[in-house]
Amino acid sequence: MGGKVCLAYLVILISATPIFAQTRTIVVDKPSLQLYVIENADTLFSAPICVGCNCGDKLKKGDHKTPEGVFSISQIQNSSKWKHDFGDGKNLISGAYGPLFFRLKTSKWTSIGIHGTCFPKSIGKRDSEGCVRLNNEDLLKLKPFIKIGMKVIITKDEM
C-alpha cells in the first residue's frame, strides 16, 4: 500500500471512530518518511522524519528496524544532555537525541522513541537504529501536541 493510500486509510479509520472517542493521534508513516498529528480527520502537524535503516518490523535489539503497530507515549523526557555512541569511531556524542525524547510504550522495547537529532541530514532517510528522528526545530513544534498516553500508529513498510 503506498504511503498516501496508507495515510488516507488511517484518516478514514480515525474519523470513523465515534465522536466521543476521537483524540489526537500521531501517525508515523514509514514508507513516506513523514510524521503526522491527526485529529478528527484533520492533519494538525506534519514533518519529515528518519526511521530505522532496515525495513520491516523490529524483531530483536540491534536490528535497526522501527517497530510497527499501535503504541502510546509513556514519557516526555529532556534529552538535551544525553550522549550516544553510534559505533562510528567518534565515541560519545552530546545532544545525540536533540532536546526531547518522547518514549513509546511498546510490549518488547524500552528504548524506542520519537526524538530530535544531531544529524539533521539524516531526516528524510532511513538512518536510525530504530527510533523516529525529527529535526530539532520540528520536534519543538510537535511538543505542544504531545501528551502522555497519546496513541502513536507506526505504519508497516512497503515490502
N, C-alpha and C. Protein backbone atom coordinates (compact mmCIF):
# COMPACT_ATOMS: atom_id res chain seq x y z
N MET A 1 0.85 -1.17 0.00
CA MET A 1 0.00 0.00 0.00
C MET A 1 0.89 1.23 0.00
N GLY A 2 0.69 2.16 -0.90
CA GLY A 2 1.51 3.37 -0.97
C GLY A 2 1.33 4.25 0.25
N GLY A 3 2.32 5.09 0.52
CA GLY A 3 2.29 5.96 1.69
C GLY A 3 1.05 6.82 1.74
N LYS A 4 0.65 7.44 0.62
CA LYS A 4 -0.52 8.32 0.61
C LYS A 4 -1.80 7.50 0.79
N VAL A 5 -1.87 6.33 0.19
CA VAL A 5 -3.03 5.48 0.33
C VAL A 5 -3.14 5.01 1.78
N CYS A 6 -2.01 4.63 2.36
CA CYS A 6 -1.97 4.17 3.74
C CYS A 6 -2.43 5.29 4.68
N LEU A 7 -1.93 6.49 4.50
CA LEU A 7 -2.33 7.61 5.35
C LEU A 7 -3.80 7.91 5.16
N ALA A 8 -4.31 7.88 3.93
CA ALA A 8 -5.72 8.14 3.68
C ALA A 8 -6.59 7.11 4.40
N TYR A 9 -6.16 5.86 4.39
CA TYR A 9 -6.88 4.80 5.09
C TYR A 9 -6.91 5.08 6.59
N LEU A 10 -5.78 5.51 7.17
CA LEU A 10 -5.72 5.82 8.60
C LEU A 10 -6.62 6.99 8.96
N VAL A 11 -6.65 8.01 8.12
CA VAL A 11 -7.51 9.17 8.36
C VAL A 11 -8.97 8.73 8.37
N ILE A 12 -9.36 7.87 7.42
CA ILE A 12 -10.73 7.36 7.37
C ILE A 12 -11.03 6.54 8.62
N LEU A 13 -10.10 5.69 9.00
CA LEU A 13 -10.27 4.84 10.18
C LEU A 13 -10.43 5.69 11.44
N ILE A 14 -9.57 6.69 11.61
CA ILE A 14 -9.63 7.55 12.78
C ILE A 14 -10.93 8.36 12.77
N SER A 15 -11.32 8.89 11.60
CA SER A 15 -12.53 9.72 11.53
C SER A 15 -13.80 8.89 11.71
N ALA A 16 -13.73 7.57 11.50
CA ALA A 16 -14.89 6.71 11.67
C ALA A 16 -15.12 6.35 13.13
N THR A 17 -14.18 6.70 13.99
CA THR A 17 -14.31 6.44 15.41
C THR A 17 -15.42 7.33 15.98
N PRO A 18 -16.25 6.81 16.89
CA PRO A 18 -17.31 7.66 17.47
C PRO A 18 -16.74 8.97 18.00
N ILE A 19 -17.51 10.05 17.85
CA ILE A 19 -17.03 11.39 18.17
C ILE A 19 -16.52 11.49 19.60
N PHE A 20 -17.15 10.82 20.55
CA PHE A 20 -16.72 10.92 21.94
C PHE A 20 -15.37 10.25 22.17
N ALA A 21 -14.95 9.38 21.26
CA ALA A 21 -13.69 8.65 21.44
C ALA A 21 -12.54 9.26 20.63
N GLN A 22 -12.84 10.27 19.82
CA GLN A 22 -11.80 10.82 18.96
C GLN A 22 -10.80 11.63 19.76
N THR A 23 -9.54 11.38 19.48
CA THR A 23 -8.45 12.09 20.12
C THR A 23 -7.35 12.32 19.10
N ARG A 24 -6.40 13.12 19.47
CA ARG A 24 -5.24 13.31 18.60
C ARG A 24 -4.43 12.02 18.55
N THR A 25 -3.94 11.75 17.37
CA THR A 25 -3.14 10.56 17.14
C THR A 25 -1.92 10.94 16.34
N ILE A 26 -0.79 10.38 16.70
CA ILE A 26 0.42 10.54 15.90
C ILE A 26 0.47 9.37 14.93
N VAL A 27 0.71 9.67 13.67
CA VAL A 27 0.90 8.63 12.66
C VAL A 27 2.31 8.78 12.11
N VAL A 28 3.10 7.74 12.26
CA VAL A 28 4.45 7.68 11.69
C VAL A 28 4.31 6.83 10.43
N ASP A 29 4.40 7.47 9.29
CA ASP A 29 4.24 6.78 8.01
C ASP A 29 5.64 6.44 7.49
N LYS A 30 6.06 5.20 7.75
CA LYS A 30 7.42 4.79 7.37
C LYS A 30 7.67 4.87 5.87
N PRO A 31 6.74 4.42 5.02
CA PRO A 31 7.04 4.48 3.58
C PRO A 31 7.29 5.89 3.05
N SER A 32 6.55 6.89 3.56
CA SER A 32 6.74 8.25 3.06
C SER A 32 7.71 9.07 3.91
N LEU A 33 8.21 8.48 5.01
CA LEU A 33 9.12 9.16 5.93
C LEU A 33 8.53 10.49 6.41
N GLN A 34 7.28 10.40 6.88
CA GLN A 34 6.55 11.56 7.40
C GLN A 34 5.88 11.21 8.72
N LEU A 35 5.81 12.20 9.61
CA LEU A 35 5.07 12.07 10.86
C LEU A 35 3.91 13.06 10.79
N TYR A 36 2.73 12.62 11.23
CA TYR A 36 1.54 13.45 11.22
C TYR A 36 0.89 13.44 12.60
N VAL A 37 0.28 14.55 12.98
CA VAL A 37 -0.64 14.58 14.11
C VAL A 37 -2.01 14.79 13.50
N ILE A 38 -2.91 13.83 13.76
CA ILE A 38 -4.24 13.85 13.15
C ILE A 38 -5.29 13.92 14.25
N GLU A 39 -6.29 14.75 14.02
CA GLU A 39 -7.43 14.84 14.92
C GLU A 39 -8.68 15.04 14.09
N ASN A 40 -9.67 14.16 14.29
CA ASN A 40 -10.94 14.27 13.56
C ASN A 40 -10.72 14.41 12.06
N ALA A 41 -9.84 13.61 11.50
CA ALA A 41 -9.53 13.58 10.07
C ALA A 41 -8.79 14.81 9.56
N ASP A 42 -8.41 15.70 10.46
CA ASP A 42 -7.62 16.87 10.09
C ASP A 42 -6.16 16.66 10.46
N THR A 43 -5.26 17.05 9.58
CA THR A 43 -3.84 17.00 9.88
C THR A 43 -3.46 18.31 10.55
N LEU A 44 -3.06 18.23 11.82
CA LEU A 44 -2.69 19.41 12.59
C LEU A 44 -1.21 19.74 12.47
N PHE A 45 -0.40 18.73 12.16
CA PHE A 45 1.05 18.89 12.10
C PHE A 45 1.62 17.80 11.21
N SER A 46 2.65 18.14 10.46
CA SER A 46 3.38 17.12 9.70
C SER A 46 4.83 17.55 9.59
N ALA A 47 5.70 16.56 9.51
CA ALA A 47 7.13 16.84 9.39
C ALA A 47 7.84 15.63 8.81
N PRO A 48 8.93 15.86 8.08
CA PRO A 48 9.73 14.74 7.58
C PRO A 48 10.47 14.08 8.75
N ILE A 49 10.74 12.80 8.60
CA ILE A 49 11.38 12.04 9.67
C ILE A 49 12.48 11.13 9.12
N CYS A 50 13.18 10.51 10.05
CA CYS A 50 14.14 9.45 9.77
C CYS A 50 13.69 8.26 10.60
N VAL A 51 13.71 7.07 10.02
CA VAL A 51 13.36 5.85 10.75
C VAL A 51 14.51 4.84 10.62
N GLY A 52 14.30 3.66 11.17
CA GLY A 52 15.33 2.62 11.16
C GLY A 52 15.88 2.34 9.77
N CYS A 53 17.19 2.13 9.71
CA CYS A 53 17.83 1.95 8.40
C CYS A 53 17.44 0.64 7.73
N ASN A 54 16.88 -0.31 8.47
CA ASN A 54 16.41 -1.56 7.87
C ASN A 54 14.89 -1.59 7.84
N CYS A 55 14.33 -2.11 6.76
CA CYS A 55 12.87 -2.20 6.60
C CYS A 55 12.30 -3.34 7.43
N GLY A 56 11.00 -3.23 7.69
CA GLY A 56 10.29 -4.28 8.41
C GLY A 56 10.07 -3.94 9.87
N ASP A 57 9.34 -4.83 10.54
CA ASP A 57 9.02 -4.66 11.95
C ASP A 57 10.20 -5.07 12.82
N LYS A 58 10.43 -4.35 13.90
CA LYS A 58 11.52 -4.65 14.82
C LYS A 58 11.30 -6.03 15.43
N LEU A 59 12.30 -6.88 15.31
CA LEU A 59 12.21 -8.24 15.84
C LEU A 59 13.18 -8.51 16.97
N LYS A 60 14.30 -7.79 16.97
CA LYS A 60 15.29 -8.00 18.03
C LYS A 60 16.12 -6.74 18.22
N LYS A 61 16.70 -6.63 19.41
CA LYS A 61 17.55 -5.49 19.72
C LYS A 61 18.72 -5.47 18.73
N GLY A 62 19.02 -4.27 18.23
CA GLY A 62 20.15 -4.11 17.32
C GLY A 62 19.84 -4.39 15.86
N ASP A 63 18.57 -4.67 15.51
CA ASP A 63 18.26 -4.96 14.09
C ASP A 63 18.05 -3.69 13.26
N HIS A 64 18.11 -2.52 13.90
CA HIS A 64 17.98 -1.22 13.23
C HIS A 64 16.66 -1.10 12.46
N LYS A 65 15.59 -1.66 13.03
CA LYS A 65 14.26 -1.54 12.45
C LYS A 65 13.38 -0.75 13.40
N THR A 66 12.45 0.02 12.85
CA THR A 66 11.47 0.75 13.64
C THR A 66 10.26 -0.15 13.84
N PRO A 67 9.80 -0.32 15.10
CA PRO A 67 8.65 -1.21 15.32
C PRO A 67 7.40 -0.69 14.63
N GLU A 68 6.52 -1.61 14.28
CA GLU A 68 5.27 -1.29 13.60
C GLU A 68 4.09 -1.67 14.49
N GLY A 69 3.05 -0.86 14.46
CA GLY A 69 1.87 -1.17 15.25
C GLY A 69 1.32 0.06 15.95
N VAL A 70 0.54 -0.19 17.00
CA VAL A 70 -0.09 0.87 17.77
C VAL A 70 0.57 0.91 19.15
N PHE A 71 1.06 2.07 19.51
CA PHE A 71 1.77 2.27 20.76
C PHE A 71 1.20 3.50 21.45
N SER A 72 1.84 3.92 22.54
CA SER A 72 1.45 5.16 23.20
C SER A 72 2.68 5.86 23.76
N ILE A 73 2.54 7.14 24.00
CA ILE A 73 3.61 7.93 24.62
C ILE A 73 3.61 7.61 26.11
N SER A 74 4.74 7.13 26.62
CA SER A 74 4.81 6.79 28.05
C SER A 74 5.57 7.83 28.86
N GLN A 75 6.47 8.58 28.23
CA GLN A 75 7.24 9.60 28.94
C GLN A 75 7.63 10.71 27.98
N ILE A 76 7.76 11.91 28.53
CA ILE A 76 8.32 13.05 27.81
C ILE A 76 9.56 13.45 28.59
N GLN A 77 10.73 13.28 27.97
CA GLN A 77 11.98 13.48 28.69
C GLN A 77 12.84 14.56 28.05
N ASN A 78 13.55 15.31 28.90
CA ASN A 78 14.54 16.27 28.43
C ASN A 78 15.79 15.46 28.08
N SER A 79 16.13 15.39 26.82
CA SER A 79 17.27 14.59 26.37
C SER A 79 18.44 15.46 25.90
N SER A 80 18.37 16.75 26.20
CA SER A 80 19.36 17.69 25.67
C SER A 80 20.79 17.37 26.10
N LYS A 81 20.96 16.71 27.22
CA LYS A 81 22.31 16.39 27.70
C LYS A 81 22.67 14.92 27.53
N TRP A 82 21.80 14.15 26.90
CA TRP A 82 22.07 12.74 26.69
C TRP A 82 23.17 12.58 25.64
N LYS A 83 23.94 11.52 25.78
CA LYS A 83 25.01 11.20 24.84
C LYS A 83 24.76 9.82 24.25
N HIS A 84 25.32 9.59 23.07
CA HIS A 84 25.18 8.27 22.44
C HIS A 84 26.41 7.97 21.60
N ASP A 85 26.83 6.73 21.61
CA ASP A 85 27.92 6.26 20.76
C ASP A 85 27.29 5.52 19.59
N PHE A 86 27.43 6.06 18.40
CA PHE A 86 26.84 5.47 17.20
C PHE A 86 27.70 4.36 16.60
N GLY A 87 28.81 4.03 17.25
CA GLY A 87 29.67 2.96 16.76
C GLY A 87 30.43 3.33 15.50
N ASP A 88 30.60 4.63 15.27
CA ASP A 88 31.29 5.08 14.06
C ASP A 88 32.72 5.55 14.34
N GLY A 89 33.20 5.23 15.56
CA GLY A 89 34.57 5.63 15.92
C GLY A 89 34.68 7.03 16.49
N LYS A 90 33.56 7.74 16.58
CA LYS A 90 33.58 9.12 17.11
C LYS A 90 33.25 9.17 18.59
N ASN A 91 33.07 8.00 19.22
CA ASN A 91 32.75 7.88 20.65
C ASN A 91 31.43 8.54 20.99
N LEU A 92 31.26 8.94 22.25
CA LEU A 92 30.01 9.54 22.69
C LEU A 92 29.81 10.93 22.07
N ILE A 93 28.60 11.18 21.59
CA ILE A 93 28.25 12.47 21.01
C ILE A 93 27.18 13.11 21.87
N SER A 94 27.45 14.32 22.35
CA SER A 94 26.47 15.08 23.14
C SER A 94 25.34 15.56 22.24
N GLY A 95 24.15 15.63 22.81
CA GLY A 95 22.99 16.13 22.06
C GLY A 95 22.51 15.19 20.98
N ALA A 96 22.88 13.93 21.07
CA ALA A 96 22.54 12.96 20.03
C ALA A 96 21.04 12.83 19.80
N TYR A 97 20.24 13.03 20.87
CA TYR A 97 18.80 12.84 20.79
C TYR A 97 18.03 14.15 20.66
N GLY A 98 18.74 15.25 20.48
CA GLY A 98 18.07 16.54 20.41
C GLY A 98 17.53 16.94 21.77
N PRO A 99 16.63 17.92 21.80
CA PRO A 99 16.18 18.47 23.08
C PRO A 99 15.17 17.62 23.85
N LEU A 100 14.41 16.76 23.15
CA LEU A 100 13.34 16.00 23.79
C LEU A 100 13.30 14.56 23.29
N PHE A 101 12.83 13.68 24.16
CA PHE A 101 12.64 12.27 23.81
C PHE A 101 11.25 11.87 24.27
N PHE A 102 10.38 11.53 23.31
CA PHE A 102 9.03 11.05 23.61
C PHE A 102 9.09 9.53 23.58
N ARG A 103 9.19 8.93 24.77
CA ARG A 103 9.36 7.47 24.88
C ARG A 103 8.06 6.76 24.55
N LEU A 104 8.16 5.71 23.73
CA LEU A 104 6.99 4.92 23.36
C LEU A 104 6.86 3.71 24.27
N LYS A 105 5.63 3.43 24.66
CA LYS A 105 5.33 2.21 25.41
C LYS A 105 5.08 1.12 24.39
N THR A 106 6.00 0.17 24.35
CA THR A 106 5.86 -0.98 23.46
C THR A 106 5.92 -2.22 24.33
N SER A 107 5.47 -3.32 23.79
CA SER A 107 5.45 -4.56 24.59
C SER A 107 6.84 -5.16 24.76
N LYS A 108 7.76 -4.88 23.83
CA LYS A 108 9.07 -5.54 23.86
C LYS A 108 10.25 -4.62 24.06
N TRP A 109 10.12 -3.35 23.67
CA TRP A 109 11.29 -2.47 23.59
C TRP A 109 11.15 -1.32 24.57
N THR A 110 12.22 -1.02 25.32
CA THR A 110 12.17 0.06 26.31
C THR A 110 12.86 1.33 25.84
N SER A 111 13.56 1.27 24.74
CA SER A 111 14.36 2.43 24.34
C SER A 111 13.96 3.01 22.98
N ILE A 112 12.71 2.81 22.58
CA ILE A 112 12.22 3.35 21.31
C ILE A 112 11.45 4.64 21.58
N GLY A 113 11.74 5.65 20.78
CA GLY A 113 11.04 6.91 20.96
C GLY A 113 11.05 7.78 19.73
N ILE A 114 10.43 8.93 19.88
CA ILE A 114 10.43 9.99 18.87
C ILE A 114 11.29 11.09 19.47
N HIS A 115 12.33 11.50 18.74
CA HIS A 115 13.26 12.48 19.31
C HIS A 115 13.92 13.31 18.22
N GLY A 116 14.70 14.29 18.66
CA GLY A 116 15.46 15.13 17.74
C GLY A 116 16.73 14.40 17.30
N THR A 117 17.65 15.18 16.73
CA THR A 117 18.86 14.55 16.20
C THR A 117 20.03 15.52 16.16
N CYS A 118 21.21 14.95 16.20
CA CYS A 118 22.43 15.72 15.96
C CYS A 118 22.88 15.55 14.51
N PHE A 119 22.09 14.79 13.74
CA PHE A 119 22.37 14.53 12.31
C PHE A 119 21.21 15.03 11.45
N PRO A 120 21.06 16.34 11.27
CA PRO A 120 19.91 16.84 10.51
C PRO A 120 19.86 16.33 9.07
N LYS A 121 20.99 15.96 8.51
CA LYS A 121 20.99 15.44 7.13
C LYS A 121 20.38 14.05 7.03
N SER A 122 20.13 13.40 8.18
CA SER A 122 19.53 12.07 8.16
C SER A 122 18.01 12.13 7.96
N ILE A 123 17.42 13.30 8.15
CA ILE A 123 15.97 13.44 8.02
C ILE A 123 15.57 13.23 6.56
N GLY A 124 14.52 12.44 6.37
CA GLY A 124 14.09 12.08 5.02
C GLY A 124 14.79 10.83 4.52
N LYS A 125 15.54 10.17 5.41
CA LYS A 125 16.27 8.94 5.04
C LYS A 125 15.99 7.85 6.06
N ARG A 126 16.43 6.67 5.75
CA ARG A 126 16.38 5.53 6.68
C ARG A 126 17.77 5.41 7.27
N ASP A 127 17.97 5.94 8.48
CA ASP A 127 19.32 6.01 9.02
C ASP A 127 19.40 5.81 10.53
N SER A 128 18.28 5.54 11.20
CA SER A 128 18.32 5.43 12.65
C SER A 128 18.51 3.98 13.09
N GLU A 129 18.71 3.81 14.38
CA GLU A 129 18.85 2.47 14.96
C GLU A 129 17.49 1.87 15.28
N GLY A 130 16.41 2.62 15.02
CA GLY A 130 15.05 2.13 15.26
C GLY A 130 14.09 3.19 15.74
N CYS A 131 14.62 4.28 16.30
CA CYS A 131 13.77 5.38 16.75
C CYS A 131 13.30 6.21 15.55
N VAL A 132 12.38 7.12 15.85
CA VAL A 132 11.88 8.08 14.87
C VAL A 132 12.56 9.41 15.18
N ARG A 133 13.32 9.93 14.23
CA ARG A 133 14.03 11.20 14.40
C ARG A 133 13.32 12.31 13.63
N LEU A 134 13.33 13.50 14.23
CA LEU A 134 12.88 14.72 13.55
C LEU A 134 13.97 15.76 13.68
N ASN A 135 13.94 16.75 12.79
CA ASN A 135 14.79 17.92 13.01
C ASN A 135 14.40 18.52 14.35
N ASN A 136 15.37 19.06 15.06
CA ASN A 136 15.11 19.60 16.39
C ASN A 136 14.04 20.69 16.37
N GLU A 137 14.04 21.53 15.33
CA GLU A 137 13.03 22.59 15.23
C GLU A 137 11.63 22.00 15.08
N ASP A 138 11.50 20.95 14.27
CA ASP A 138 10.20 20.29 14.10
C ASP A 138 9.78 19.60 15.40
N LEU A 139 10.72 19.02 16.11
CA LEU A 139 10.42 18.36 17.38
C LEU A 139 9.83 19.37 18.37
N LEU A 140 10.40 20.55 18.43
CA LEU A 140 9.88 21.58 19.33
C LEU A 140 8.49 22.05 18.91
N LYS A 141 8.21 22.06 17.60
CA LYS A 141 6.87 22.41 17.11
C LYS A 141 5.86 21.29 17.42
N LEU A 142 6.35 20.05 17.47
CA LEU A 142 5.49 18.90 17.78
C LEU A 142 5.13 18.86 19.26
N LYS A 143 6.00 19.32 20.12
CA LYS A 143 5.85 19.21 21.57
C LYS A 143 4.48 19.62 22.09
N PRO A 144 3.90 20.76 21.68
CA PRO A 144 2.59 21.15 22.22
C PRO A 144 1.46 20.15 21.93
N PHE A 145 1.63 19.29 20.95
CA PHE A 145 0.61 18.31 20.60
C PHE A 145 0.74 17.03 21.44
N ILE A 146 1.87 16.83 22.10
CA ILE A 146 2.18 15.57 22.77
C ILE A 146 1.62 15.52 24.18
N LYS A 147 1.01 14.37 24.51
CA LYS A 147 0.51 14.11 25.86
C LYS A 147 0.84 12.67 26.23
N ILE A 148 1.09 12.44 27.50
CA ILE A 148 1.30 11.08 27.99
C ILE A 148 0.05 10.27 27.67
N GLY A 149 0.23 9.06 27.17
CA GLY A 149 -0.89 8.18 26.83
C GLY A 149 -1.39 8.34 25.41
N MET A 150 -0.89 9.35 24.70
CA MET A 150 -1.32 9.61 23.33
C MET A 150 -1.01 8.42 22.43
N LYS A 151 -1.95 8.09 21.54
CA LYS A 151 -1.78 6.97 20.63
C LYS A 151 -0.78 7.33 19.53
N VAL A 152 0.10 6.37 19.22
CA VAL A 152 1.08 6.51 18.14
C VAL A 152 0.92 5.28 17.23
N ILE A 153 0.61 5.53 15.97
CA ILE A 153 0.49 4.44 14.99
C ILE A 153 1.71 4.50 14.09
N ILE A 154 2.45 3.41 14.03
CA ILE A 154 3.61 3.33 13.12
C ILE A 154 3.24 2.33 12.03
N THR A 155 3.16 2.83 10.80
CA THR A 155 2.71 2.01 9.68
C THR A 155 3.75 0.99 9.26
N LYS A 156 3.29 -0.01 8.55
CA LYS A 156 4.19 -1.04 8.03
C LYS A 156 4.96 -0.51 6.84
N ASP A 157 6.16 -1.04 6.69
CA ASP A 157 6.96 -0.73 5.50
C ASP A 157 6.35 -1.39 4.28
N GLU A 158 6.56 -0.77 3.13
CA GLU A 158 6.19 -1.40 1.87
C GLU A 158 7.24 -2.45 1.58
N MET A 159 6.84 -3.63 1.26
CA MET A 159 7.80 -4.70 1.01
C MET A 159 7.74 -5.14 -0.43
